[in-house]
Amino acid sequence: MQTESKIISSYLCYKAVLKIPFVNRKGEARVNEITAWFAPSLPYSFGPKHFYGLPGLILETTENKTTFLATKITFDSNEVKIDFPKGKTITKEDYDKKLRAQMGM
């Protein structure tokens, strides 16, 4: 992570750079640099493609010569209700016994 910052869609974003060393097909050592801009004010550790784990939502990434950029951010105020399945709570030992029995052990 770096101290460089910029504004993306009215969110203050900070720069993070990941350098991945690799050897190309000619046997030359190279470094693939991936740049991500994340907004700490949006406390979600997600981003485009397989990028995640920064302390804020990733709004822009650049990998090779391809840039992914968030163009619109909306929040849904509807509450989502999750219906968890009904079940019986068992101890860890009982769970392990049932698991071993199903595996034929």
Protein backbone atom coordinates (compact mmCIF):
# COMPACT_ATOMS: atom_id res chain seq x y z
CA MET A 1 0.00 0.00 0.00
CA GLN A 2 1.16 3.47 -0.76
CA THR A 3 0.31 7.00 0.33
CA GLU A 4 -0.65 8.10 -3.18
CA SER A 5 -4.35 8.94 -3.41
CA LYS A 6 -6.99 10.07 -5.89
CA ILE A 7 -10.75 10.58 -6.04
CA ILE A 8 -12.87 7.96 -7.87
CA SER A 9 -16.64 8.57 -7.98
CA SER A 10 -16.37 11.00 -5.03
CA TYR A 11 -14.53 8.42 -2.86
CA LEU A 12 -11.00 9.01 -1.61
CA CYS A 13 -8.95 6.05 -2.82
CA TYR A 14 -5.45 4.87 -2.01
CA LYS A 15 -3.04 3.03 -4.25
CA ALA A 16 -1.82 -0.53 -3.65
CA VAL A 17 0.67 -2.26 -5.92
CA LEU A 18 1.33 -5.99 -6.21
CA LYS A 19 4.44 -7.14 -8.08
CA ILE A 20 4.44 -10.75 -9.25
CA PRO A 21 7.77 -12.06 -10.60
CA PHE A 22 7.63 -14.63 -13.41
CA VAL A 23 9.78 -16.08 -16.16
CA ASN A 24 8.49 -15.57 -19.70
CA ARG A 25 8.69 -18.19 -22.44
CA LYS A 26 12.07 -16.83 -23.56
CA GLY A 27 13.45 -17.55 -20.09
CA GLU A 28 13.67 -13.88 -19.12
CA ALA A 29 12.80 -12.81 -15.58
CA ARG A 30 9.96 -10.28 -15.61
CA VAL A 31 7.64 -8.63 -13.13
CA ASN A 32 3.87 -8.33 -13.61
CA GLU A 33 2.67 -5.21 -11.78
CA ILE A 34 -0.95 -4.94 -10.67
CA THR A 35 -2.21 -1.58 -9.39
CA ALA A 36 -5.38 -1.30 -7.32
CA TRP A 37 -7.17 1.78 -5.99
CA PHE A 38 -9.29 1.11 -2.92
CA ALA A 39 -11.66 3.25 -0.82
CA PRO A 40 -11.29 2.69 2.95
CA SER A 41 -14.57 4.56 3.51
CA LEU A 42 -16.33 1.57 1.85
CA PRO A 43 -15.39 -1.22 4.31
CA TYR A 44 -15.79 -4.15 1.91
CA SER A 45 -12.77 -6.27 0.95
CA PHE A 46 -13.91 -7.00 -2.60
CA GLY A 47 -12.93 -5.98 -6.10
CA PRO A 48 -13.12 -6.98 -9.77
CA LYS A 49 -11.96 -10.36 -11.06
CA HIS A 50 -10.01 -12.23 -8.40
CA PHE A 51 -8.81 -9.16 -6.48
CA TYR A 52 -9.79 -8.81 -2.84
CA GLY A 53 -8.35 -8.40 0.64
CA LEU A 54 -7.59 -4.70 0.81
CA PRO A 55 -9.03 -2.61 3.67
CA GLY A 56 -11.73 -1.11 1.45
CA LEU A 57 -13.68 -1.67 -1.75
CA ILE A 58 -11.43 -1.80 -4.82
CA LEU A 59 -12.77 0.73 -7.32
CA GLU A 60 -10.05 0.45 -9.98
CA THR A 61 -7.45 -2.12 -10.99
CA THR A 62 -4.89 -2.16 -13.76
CA GLU A 63 -3.28 -5.43 -14.80
CA ASN A 64 -1.03 -5.53 -17.86
CA LYS A 65 -2.78 -3.05 -20.16
CA THR A 66 -6.33 -3.72 -18.91
CA THR A 67 -8.12 -1.41 -16.48
CA PHE A 68 -11.29 -2.24 -14.56
CA LEU A 69 -13.06 0.84 -13.20
CA ALA A 70 -16.21 1.20 -11.09
CA THR A 71 -18.52 3.62 -12.85
CA LYS A 72 -21.47 3.59 -10.47
CA ILE A 73 -21.94 2.63 -6.81
CA THR A 74 -25.42 2.23 -5.36
CA PHE A 75 -26.55 0.95 -1.98
CA ASP A 76 -29.76 -0.99 -1.55
CA SER A 77 -31.52 -0.03 1.68
CA ASN A 78 -33.80 -3.09 1.59
CA GLU A 79 -33.12 -5.49 4.42
CA VAL A 80 -32.44 -9.03 3.27
CA LYS A 81 -34.02 -11.75 5.40
CA ILE A 82 -32.18 -15.06 5.50
CA ASP A 83 -34.17 -18.12 6.50
CA PHE A 84 -31.75 -20.53 8.11
CA PRO A 85 -32.73 -24.20 7.98
CA LYS A 86 -34.13 -25.66 11.16
CA GLY A 87 -32.02 -28.36 12.73
CA LYS A 88 -30.74 -29.97 15.86
CA THR A 89 -27.53 -28.85 17.54
CA ILE A 90 -25.14 -31.70 18.28
CA THR A 91 -21.76 -31.89 19.99
CA LYS A 92 -18.50 -32.07 18.09
CA GLU A 93 -18.00 -35.66 19.25
CA ASP A 94 -21.42 -36.73 17.91
CA TYR A 95 -20.68 -34.95 14.62
CA ASP A 96 -17.34 -36.74 14.31
CA LYS A 97 -19.01 -40.13 15.03
CA LYS A 98 -21.67 -39.54 12.36
CA LEU A 99 -19.05 -38.38 9.88
CA ARG A 100 -16.88 -41.45 10.47
CA ALA A 101 -19.93 -43.71 10.13
CA GLN A 102 -20.86 -42.14 6.78
CA MET A 103 -17.29 -42.55 5.55
CA GLY A 104 -17.25 -46.19 6.63
CA MET A 105 -14.53 -45.73 9.21
